[in-house]
Amino acid sequence: MRDRLILLPGWGLGASPLEPLVAALRGLDEHLKVEIEPLPALDSGDPQDWLDELDRRLPQDAWLGGWSLGGMLASELAARRGEHCCGLLTLASNPSFVVRDQWPSAMAQDTFAAFLAGCGADPQATLKRFSLLCAQGAQDPRGVSRQLLARAPATSPGVLTAGLHVLSRLDTRGALQAFHGPQLHLFAGLDGLVPAEAAGELFALIADVEVGLVEQASHAFPLENPDGVAGAIQAFLHECGDD
């Protein structure tokens, strides 16, 4: 199924932020089967539980990709599947969302802890704040934020909180180094959640992958500029002989 690409969405906002990108990809290549797979709706904050469910649900021998948290989960699943994953695409996805040893280009631990506490106290207000951070750096941040929130699915507070725990616990550096298939990682120059410097750090970590920086773009760049992102993905697939 080297003509099949499965995309995983980010935290809290559902599939709709990726739908324009999927439409753009289908418009570029009628033979490419692109689909969005929802994230697990689990109360567990253990990344392995989320990965186990995705591994059961998703077909083997496809391209895996995702936006933000979805890209992190896709990275771990690609490493788990090895040669049964055709390749990996991540969009605005930091190998570690929070600062760790030897990975400074991420969210400070205390900032994330405050965000997590806010989600427990008022999930809807936290989702709104998250959408504003996703849209920070966009040409029309308020418009992008409204777009992100308008079609966000109704998700239980327990699942939202569990997703944040998964986001903070994932460290995909080892998975990215272990996966030997083709990889494309796109970052945003004005991202309010994933520092642009993470692109350079990732390239230094594994230099034999494609790493790109979309200038003047927000964390929500797949929604902001679906045609441009689709073009970059299509060019990468073409280079890999999968167009």
C-alpha atoms as a PDB file:
ATOM      1  CA  MET A   1       0.000   0.000   0.000  1.00  0.00           C
ATOM      2  CA  ARG A   2       2.707   2.430  -0.944  1.00  0.00           C
ATOM      3  CA  ASP A   3      -0.020   4.643  -2.407  1.00  0.00           C
ATOM      4  CA  ARG A   4      -1.761   5.023   0.973  1.00  0.00           C
ATOM      5  CA  LEU A   5      -1.057   7.825   3.467  1.00  0.00           C
ATOM      6  CA  ILE A   6      -2.650   7.855   6.909  1.00  0.00           C
ATOM      7  CA  LEU A   7      -2.568  11.151   8.830  1.00  0.00           C
ATOM      8  CA  LEU A   8      -3.118  11.489  12.584  1.00  0.00           C
ATOM      9  CA  PRO A   9      -4.497  14.783  13.954  1.00  0.00           C
ATOM     10  CA  GLY A  10      -3.211  16.860  16.833  1.00  0.00           C
ATOM     11  CA  TRP A  11      -4.497  17.217  20.379  1.00  0.00           C
ATOM     12  CA  GLY A  12      -8.067  18.271  21.040  1.00  0.00           C
ATOM     13  CA  LEU A  13      -9.095  19.729  17.672  1.00  0.00           C
ATOM     14  CA  GLY A  14     -10.030  16.601  15.736  1.00  0.00           C
ATOM     15  CA  ALA A  15      -9.644  15.868  12.047  1.00  0.00           C
ATOM     16  CA  SER A  16     -10.926  19.121  10.547  1.00  0.00           C
ATOM     17  CA  PRO A  17      -7.579  21.041  10.604  1.00  0.00           C
ATOM     18  CA  LEU A  18      -6.154  18.381   8.252  1.00  0.00           C
ATOM     19  CA  GLU A  19      -9.117  18.109   5.875  1.00  0.00           C
ATOM     20  CA  PRO A  20      -8.000  20.920   3.492  1.00  0.00           C
ATOM     21  CA  LEU A  21      -4.587  19.264   3.226  1.00  0.00           C
ATOM     22  CA  VAL A  22      -6.155  15.910   2.411  1.00  0.00           C
ATOM     23  CA  ALA A  23      -8.281  17.543  -0.298  1.00  0.00           C
ATOM     24  CA  ALA A  24      -5.202  19.254  -1.742  1.00  0.00           C
ATOM     25  CA  LEU A  25      -3.219  16.003  -1.796  1.00  0.00           C
ATOM     26  CA  ARG A  26      -6.055  14.171  -3.533  1.00  0.00           C
ATOM     27  CA  GLY A  27      -6.205  16.967  -6.088  1.00  0.00           C
ATOM     28  CA  LEU A  28      -2.512  16.567  -6.864  1.00  0.00           C
ATOM     29  CA  ASP A  29      -2.583  12.781  -7.200  1.00  0.00           C
ATOM     30  CA  GLU A  30      -5.784  10.862  -7.801  1.00  0.00           C
ATOM     31  CA  HIS A  31      -3.946   7.595  -7.148  1.00  0.00           C
ATOM     32  CA  LEU A  32      -2.831   8.575  -3.642  1.00  0.00           C
ATOM     33  CA  LYS A  33      -5.238   7.288  -1.008  1.00  0.00           C
ATOM     34  CA  VAL A  34      -5.154   9.770   1.879  1.00  0.00           C
ATOM     35  CA  GLU A  35      -7.182   9.431   5.050  1.00  0.00           C
ATOM     36  CA  ILE A  36      -7.303  10.921   8.528  1.00  0.00           C
ATOM     37  CA  GLU A  37      -7.450   8.496  11.426  1.00  0.00           C
ATOM     38  CA  PRO A  38      -8.825   9.891  14.725  1.00  0.00           C
ATOM     39  CA  LEU A  39      -6.632   9.686  17.789  1.00  0.00           C
ATOM     40  CA  PRO A  40      -7.577   7.117  20.436  1.00  0.00           C
ATOM     41  CA  ALA A  41     -10.306   8.223  22.865  1.00  0.00           C
ATOM     42  CA  LEU A  42      -8.592   6.775  25.917  1.00  0.00           C
ATOM     43  CA  ASP A  43      -8.495   7.919  29.532  1.00  0.00           C
ATOM     44  CA  SER A  44      -4.992   6.451  29.824  1.00  0.00           C
ATOM     45  CA  GLY A  45      -2.064   8.847  29.700  1.00  0.00           C
ATOM     46  CA  ASP A  46       0.374   6.045  28.828  1.00  0.00           C
ATOM     47  CA  PRO A  47       1.681   6.527  25.265  1.00  0.00           C
ATOM     48  CA  GLN A  48       2.006   2.765  24.823  1.00  0.00           C
ATOM     49  CA  ASP A  49      -1.755   2.314  25.274  1.00  0.00           C
ATOM     50  CA  TRP A  50      -2.400   4.871  22.533  1.00  0.00           C
ATOM     51  CA  LEU A  51       0.176   3.273  20.250  1.00  0.00           C
ATOM     52  CA  ASP A  52      -1.215  -0.213  20.860  1.00  0.00           C
ATOM     53  CA  GLU A  53      -4.683   0.929  19.798  1.00  0.00           C
ATOM     54  CA  LEU A  54      -3.366   2.709  16.697  1.00  0.00           C
ATOM     55  CA  ASP A  55      -1.283  -0.328  15.785  1.00  0.00           C
ATOM     56  CA  ARG A  56      -4.393  -2.517  15.956  1.00  0.00           C
ATOM     57  CA  ARG A  57      -6.472  -0.051  13.962  1.00  0.00           C
ATOM     58  CA  LEU A  58      -4.168   1.083  11.162  1.00  0.00           C
ATOM     59  CA  PRO A  59      -3.234  -1.034   8.133  1.00  0.00           C
ATOM     60  CA  GLN A  60       0.337  -2.179   7.678  1.00  0.00           C
ATOM     61  CA  ASP A  61       2.578  -1.116   4.795  1.00  0.00           C
ATOM     62  CA  ALA A  62       1.241   2.436   4.463  1.00  0.00           C
ATOM     63  CA  TRP A  63       2.842   5.854   4.832  1.00  0.00           C
ATOM     64  CA  LEU A  64       2.261   7.305   8.302  1.00  0.00           C
ATOM     65  CA  GLY A  65       2.087  10.974   9.158  1.00  0.00           C
ATOM     66  CA  GLY A  66       0.534  13.487  11.474  1.00  0.00           C
ATOM     67  CA  TRP A  67       0.229  16.988  12.810  1.00  0.00           C
ATOM     68  CA  SER A  68       1.747  17.895  16.177  1.00  0.00           C
ATOM     69  CA  LEU A  69       0.842  15.091  18.657  1.00  0.00           C
ATOM     70  CA  GLY A  70      -0.299  13.003  15.680  1.00  0.00           C
ATOM     71  CA  GLY A  71       3.151  13.270  14.156  1.00  0.00           C
ATOM     72  CA  MET A  72       4.782  12.145  17.388  1.00  0.00           C
ATOM     73  CA  LEU A  73       2.541   9.091  17.569  1.00  0.00           C
ATOM     74  CA  ALA A  74       3.169   8.357  13.882  1.00  0.00           C
ATOM     75  CA  SER A  75       6.930   8.507  14.546  1.00  0.00           C
ATOM     76  CA  GLU A  76       6.725   5.951  17.331  1.00  0.00           C
ATOM     77  CA  LEU A  77       4.451   3.705  15.283  1.00  0.00           C
ATOM     78  CA  ALA A  78       6.778   3.921  12.276  1.00  0.00           C
ATOM     79  CA  ALA A  79       9.700   2.772  14.419  1.00  0.00           C
ATOM     80  CA  ARG A  80       7.592  -0.033  15.882  1.00  0.00           C
ATOM     81  CA  ARG A  81       6.580  -1.259  12.414  1.00  0.00           C
ATOM     82  CA  GLY A  82       9.957  -0.831  10.738  1.00  0.00           C
ATOM     83  CA  GLU A  83       9.896  -2.148   7.171  1.00  0.00           C
ATOM     84  CA  HIS A  84       6.109  -2.433   7.364  1.00  0.00           C
ATOM     85  CA  CYS A  85       5.877   1.363   7.318  1.00  0.00           C
ATOM     86  CA  CYS A  86       6.565   2.919   3.905  1.00  0.00           C
ATOM     87  CA  GLY A  87       7.705   6.262   5.294  1.00  0.00           C
ATOM     88  CA  LEU A  88       6.998   9.033   7.775  1.00  0.00           C
ATOM     89  CA  LEU A  89       5.725  12.619   7.443  1.00  0.00           C
ATOM     90  CA  THR A  90       5.388  14.992  10.402  1.00  0.00           C
ATOM     91  CA  LEU A  91       3.940  18.513  10.450  1.00  0.00           C
ATOM     92  CA  ALA A  92       4.739  20.947  13.294  1.00  0.00           C
ATOM     93  CA  SER A  93       5.693  17.954  15.400  1.00  0.00           C
ATOM     94  CA  ASN A  94       8.491  18.360  17.939  1.00  0.00           C
ATOM     95  CA  PRO A  95      10.376  15.152  18.865  1.00  0.00           C
ATOM     96  CA  SER A  96       9.812  16.270  22.452  1.00  0.00           C
ATOM     97  CA  PHE A  97       7.017  18.753  23.117  1.00  0.00           C
ATOM     98  CA  VAL A  98       8.559  19.710  26.474  1.00  0.00           C
ATOM     99  CA  VAL A  99      12.139  20.597  27.325  1.00  0.00           C
ATOM    100  CA  ARG A 100      14.370  17.623  28.163  1.00  0.00           C
ATOM    101  CA  ASP A 101      18.077  16.964  28.555  1.00  0.00           C
ATOM    102  CA  GLN A 102      19.781  17.831  25.262  1.00  0.00           C
ATOM    103  CA  TRP A 103      16.502  19.090  23.772  1.00  0.00           C
ATOM    104  CA  PRO A 104      16.028  22.759  24.748  1.00  0.00           C
ATOM    105  CA  SER A 105      13.851  23.838  21.797  1.00  0.00           C
ATOM    106  CA  ALA A 106      10.515  22.923  23.340  1.00  0.00           C
ATOM    107  CA  MET A 107       7.939  24.146  25.857  1.00  0.00           C
ATOM    108  CA  ALA A 108       9.204  24.782  29.386  1.00  0.00           C
ATOM    109  CA  GLN A 109       8.086  22.136  31.869  1.00  0.00           C
ATOM    110  CA  ASP A 110       6.440  24.673  34.197  1.00  0.00           C
ATOM    111  CA  THR A 111       4.532  26.254  31.294  1.00  0.00           C
ATOM    112  CA  PHE A 112       3.225  22.845  30.290  1.00  0.00           C
ATOM    113  CA  ALA A 113       2.309  22.012  33.893  1.00  0.00           C
ATOM    114  CA  ALA A 114       0.211  25.203  34.072  1.00  0.00           C
ATOM    115  CA  PHE A 115      -1.464  24.273  30.779  1.00  0.00           C
ATOM    116  CA  LEU A 116      -2.254  20.786  32.115  1.00  0.00           C
ATOM    117  CA  ALA A 117      -3.704  22.239  35.320  1.00  0.00           C
ATOM    118  CA  GLY A 118      -5.832  24.617  33.254  1.00  0.00           C
ATOM    119  CA  CYS A 119      -7.218  21.699  31.272  1.00  0.00           C
ATOM    120  CA  GLY A 120      -8.297  19.998  34.479  1.00  0.00           C
ATOM    121  CA  ALA A 121      -9.991  23.152  35.747  1.00  0.00           C
ATOM    122  CA  ASP A 122     -11.648  24.353  32.521  1.00  0.00           C
ATOM    123  CA  PRO A 123     -11.172  22.159  29.426  1.00  0.00           C
ATOM    124  CA  GLN A 124     -13.078  24.451  27.049  1.00  0.00           C
ATOM    125  CA  ALA A 125     -11.129  27.548  28.054  1.00  0.00           C
ATOM    126  CA  THR A 126      -7.912  25.556  27.631  1.00  0.00           C
ATOM    127  CA  LEU A 127      -8.953  24.415  24.146  1.00  0.00           C
ATOM    128  CA  LYS A 128      -9.646  28.026  23.208  1.00  0.00           C
ATOM    129  CA  ARG A 129      -6.241  29.090  24.497  1.00  0.00           C
ATOM    130  CA  PHE A 130      -4.666  26.204  22.609  1.00  0.00           C
ATOM    131  CA  SER A 131      -6.348  27.254  19.374  1.00  0.00           C
ATOM    132  CA  LEU A 132      -4.988  30.784  19.825  1.00  0.00           C
ATOM    133  CA  LEU A 133      -1.477  29.397  20.320  1.00  0.00           C
ATOM    134  CA  CYS A 134      -1.888  27.218  17.220  1.00  0.00           C
ATOM    135  CA  ALA A 135      -2.855  30.315  15.222  1.00  0.00           C
ATOM    136  CA  GLN A 136      -0.092  32.560  16.592  1.00  0.00           C
ATOM    137  CA  GLY A 137       2.021  33.720  13.637  1.00  0.00           C
ATOM    138  CA  ALA A 138      -0.730  33.185  11.064  1.00  0.00           C
ATOM    139  CA  GLN A 139      -1.677  35.979   8.676  1.00  0.00           C
ATOM    140  CA  ASP A 140      -5.150  35.987  10.243  1.00  0.00           C
ATOM    141  CA  PRO A 141      -4.681  34.499  13.716  1.00  0.00           C
ATOM    142  CA  ARG A 142      -8.210  35.172  14.941  1.00  0.00           C
ATOM    143  CA  GLY A 143      -9.711  33.664  11.806  1.00  0.00           C
ATOM    144  CA  VAL A 144      -7.515  30.575  12.011  1.00  0.00           C
ATOM    145  CA  SER A 145      -8.305  30.163  15.707  1.00  0.00           C
ATOM    146  CA  ARG A 146     -12.044  30.365  15.023  1.00  0.00           C
ATOM    147  CA  GLN A 147     -11.666  27.815  12.232  1.00  0.00           C
ATOM    148  CA  LEU A 148      -9.826  25.432  14.534  1.00  0.00           C
ATOM    149  CA  LEU A 149     -12.436  25.680  17.282  1.00  0.00           C
ATOM    150  CA  ALA A 150     -15.533  25.667  15.090  1.00  0.00           C
ATOM    151  CA  ARG A 151     -15.337  21.979  14.240  1.00  0.00           C
ATOM    152  CA  ALA A 152     -13.477  20.654  17.263  1.00  0.00           C
ATOM    153  CA  PRO A 153     -15.161  17.434  18.421  1.00  0.00           C
ATOM    154  CA  ALA A 154     -16.851  17.075  21.791  1.00  0.00           C
ATOM    155  CA  THR A 155     -14.199  15.262  23.824  1.00  0.00           C
ATOM    156  CA  SER A 156     -14.456  14.235  27.458  1.00  0.00           C
ATOM    157  CA  PRO A 157     -12.211  16.072  29.944  1.00  0.00           C
ATOM    158  CA  GLY A 158     -10.604  12.734  30.842  1.00  0.00           C
ATOM    159  CA  VAL A 159      -9.548  12.051  27.260  1.00  0.00           C
ATOM    160  CA  LEU A 160      -8.267  15.632  26.803  1.00  0.00           C
ATOM    161  CA  THR A 161      -6.186  15.364  29.974  1.00  0.00           C
ATOM    162  CA  ALA A 162      -4.891  11.927  29.000  1.00  0.00           C
ATOM    163  CA  GLY A 163      -3.837  13.312  25.629  1.00  0.00           C
ATOM    164  CA  LEU A 164      -1.811  16.029  27.320  1.00  0.00           C
ATOM    165  CA  HIS A 165      -0.079  13.425  29.488  1.00  0.00           C
ATOM    166  CA  VAL A 166       0.782  11.452  26.334  1.00  0.00           C
ATOM    167  CA  LEU A 167       2.065  14.641  24.701  1.00  0.00           C
ATOM    168  CA  SER A 168       4.359  15.394  27.640  1.00  0.00           C
ATOM    169  CA  ARG A 169       5.654  11.826  28.013  1.00  0.00           C
ATOM    170  CA  LEU A 170       6.527  11.138  24.382  1.00  0.00           C
ATOM    171  CA  ASP A 171      10.163  11.572  23.379  1.00  0.00           C
ATOM    172  CA  THR A 172      10.450  10.374  19.804  1.00  0.00           C
ATOM    173  CA  ARG A 173      14.166  10.980  19.272  1.00  0.00           C
ATOM    174  CA  GLY A 174      14.993   7.302  19.643  1.00  0.00           C
ATOM    175  CA  ALA A 175      12.152   6.276  17.335  1.00  0.00           C
ATOM    176  CA  LEU A 176      13.228   8.716  14.630  1.00  0.00           C
ATOM    177  CA  GLN A 177      16.778   7.410  14.794  1.00  0.00           C
ATOM    178  CA  ALA A 178      15.584   3.802  14.716  1.00  0.00           C
ATOM    179  CA  PHE A 179      13.255   4.159  11.728  1.00  0.00           C
ATOM    180  CA  HIS A 180      15.249   3.734   8.510  1.00  0.00           C
ATOM    181  CA  GLY A 181      12.519   4.513   6.003  1.00  0.00           C
ATOM    182  CA  PRO A 182      12.171   7.916   4.283  1.00  0.00           C
ATOM    183  CA  GLN A 183      11.235  10.811   6.561  1.00  0.00           C
ATOM    184  CA  LEU A 184       9.950  14.341   5.932  1.00  0.00           C
ATOM    185  CA  HIS A 185       9.580  16.750   8.852  1.00  0.00           C
ATOM    186  CA  LEU A 186       8.081  20.215   8.279  1.00  0.00           C
ATOM    187  CA  PHE A 187       8.212  22.973  10.894  1.00  0.00           C
ATOM    188  CA  ALA A 188       6.759  26.499  11.003  1.00  0.00           C
ATOM    189  CA  GLY A 189       8.848  29.646  11.291  1.00  0.00           C
ATOM    190  CA  LEU A 190       6.429  31.480  13.618  1.00  0.00           C
ATOM    191  CA  ASP A 191       5.102  28.505  15.579  1.00  0.00           C
ATOM    192  CA  GLY A 192       3.794  29.467  19.025  1.00  0.00           C
ATOM    193  CA  LEU A 193       4.035  25.909  20.365  1.00  0.00           C
ATOM    194  CA  VAL A 194       7.052  24.286  18.662  1.00  0.00           C
ATOM    195  CA  PRO A 195      10.120  26.542  18.407  1.00  0.00           C
ATOM    196  CA  ALA A 196      11.464  26.841  14.864  1.00  0.00           C
ATOM    197  CA  GLU A 197      14.910  25.965  16.238  1.00  0.00           C
ATOM    198  CA  ALA A 198      13.693  22.392  16.700  1.00  0.00           C
ATOM    199  CA  ALA A 199      14.083  21.931  12.934  1.00  0.00           C
ATOM    200  CA  GLY A 200      17.830  22.471  13.144  1.00  0.00           C
ATOM    201  CA  GLU A 201      18.137  20.288  16.214  1.00  0.00           C
ATOM    202  CA  LEU A 202      16.325  17.467  14.450  1.00  0.00           C
ATOM    203  CA  PHE A 203      18.557  17.749  11.391  1.00  0.00           C
ATOM    204  CA  ALA A 204      21.596  17.602  13.663  1.00  0.00           C
ATOM    205  CA  LEU A 205      20.171  14.496  15.341  1.00  0.00           C
ATOM    206  CA  ILE A 206      19.452  12.602  12.102  1.00  0.00           C
ATOM    207  CA  ALA A 207      21.002  14.295   9.084  1.00  0.00           C
ATOM    208  CA  ASP A 208      19.829  11.768   6.481  1.00  0.00           C
ATOM    209  CA  VAL A 209      16.164  12.894   6.595  1.00  0.00           C
ATOM    210  CA  GLU A 210      14.321  15.771   4.932  1.00  0.00           C
ATOM    211  CA  VAL A 211      13.675  18.687   7.305  1.00  0.00           C
ATOM    212  CA  GLY A 212      11.945  21.838   6.100  1.00  0.00           C
ATOM    213  CA  LEU A 213      10.933  25.173   7.629  1.00  0.00           C
ATOM    214  CA  VAL A 214       7.800  26.929   6.364  1.00  0.00           C
ATOM    215  CA  GLU A 215       8.612  30.613   6.875  1.00  0.00           C
ATOM    216  CA  GLN A 216       5.992  33.091   8.099  1.00  0.00           C
ATOM    217  CA  ALA A 217       3.647  30.314   9.200  1.00  0.00           C
ATOM    218  CA  SER A 218       1.909  29.239  12.398  1.00  0.00           C
ATOM    219  CA  HIS A 219       1.586  25.868  14.111  1.00  0.00           C
ATOM    220  CA  ALA A 220      -1.582  25.446  12.050  1.00  0.00           C
ATOM    221  CA  PHE A 221       0.241  25.763   8.710  1.00  0.00           C
ATOM    222  CA  PRO A 222      -1.422  22.632   7.222  1.00  0.00           C
ATOM    223  CA  LEU A 223      -4.725  24.529   7.568  1.00  0.00           C
ATOM    224  CA  GLU A 224      -3.262  27.916   6.579  1.00  0.00           C
ATOM    225  CA  ASN A 225      -1.527  26.750   3.428  1.00  0.00           C
ATOM    226  CA  PRO A 226      -2.802  23.310   2.435  1.00  0.00           C
ATOM    227  CA  ASP A 227      -1.773  23.654  -1.214  1.00  0.00           C
ATOM    228  CA  GLY A 228       1.818  24.561  -0.358  1.00  0.00           C
ATOM    229  CA  VAL A 229       2.134  21.764   2.189  1.00  0.00           C
ATOM    230  CA  ALA A 230       0.558  19.279  -0.211  1.00  0.00           C
ATOM    231  CA  GLY A 231       3.048  20.322  -2.882  1.00  0.00           C
ATOM    232  CA  ALA A 232       5.980  19.709  -0.528  1.00  0.00           C
ATOM    233  CA  ILE A 233       4.620  16.298   0.442  1.00  0.00           C
ATOM    234  CA  GLN A 234       3.951  15.339  -3.167  1.00  0.00           C
ATOM    235  CA  ALA A 235       7.480  16.378  -4.189  1.00  0.00           C
ATOM    236  CA  PHE A 236       8.897  14.244  -1.368  1.00  0.00           C
ATOM    237  CA  LEU A 237       6.814  11.234  -2.351  1.00  0.00           C
ATOM    238  CA  HIS A 238       7.955  11.713  -5.953  1.00  0.00           C
ATOM    239  CA  GLU A 239      11.599  11.722  -4.843  1.00  0.00           C
ATOM    240  CA  CYS A 240      10.942   8.475  -2.998  1.00  0.00           C
ATOM    241  CA  GLY A 241       9.437   6.928  -6.130  1.00  0.00           C
ATOM    242  CA  ASP A 242       5.923   6.841  -4.715  1.00  0.00           C
ATOM    243  CA  ASP A 243       4.087   9.371  -6.843  1.00  0.00           C
END
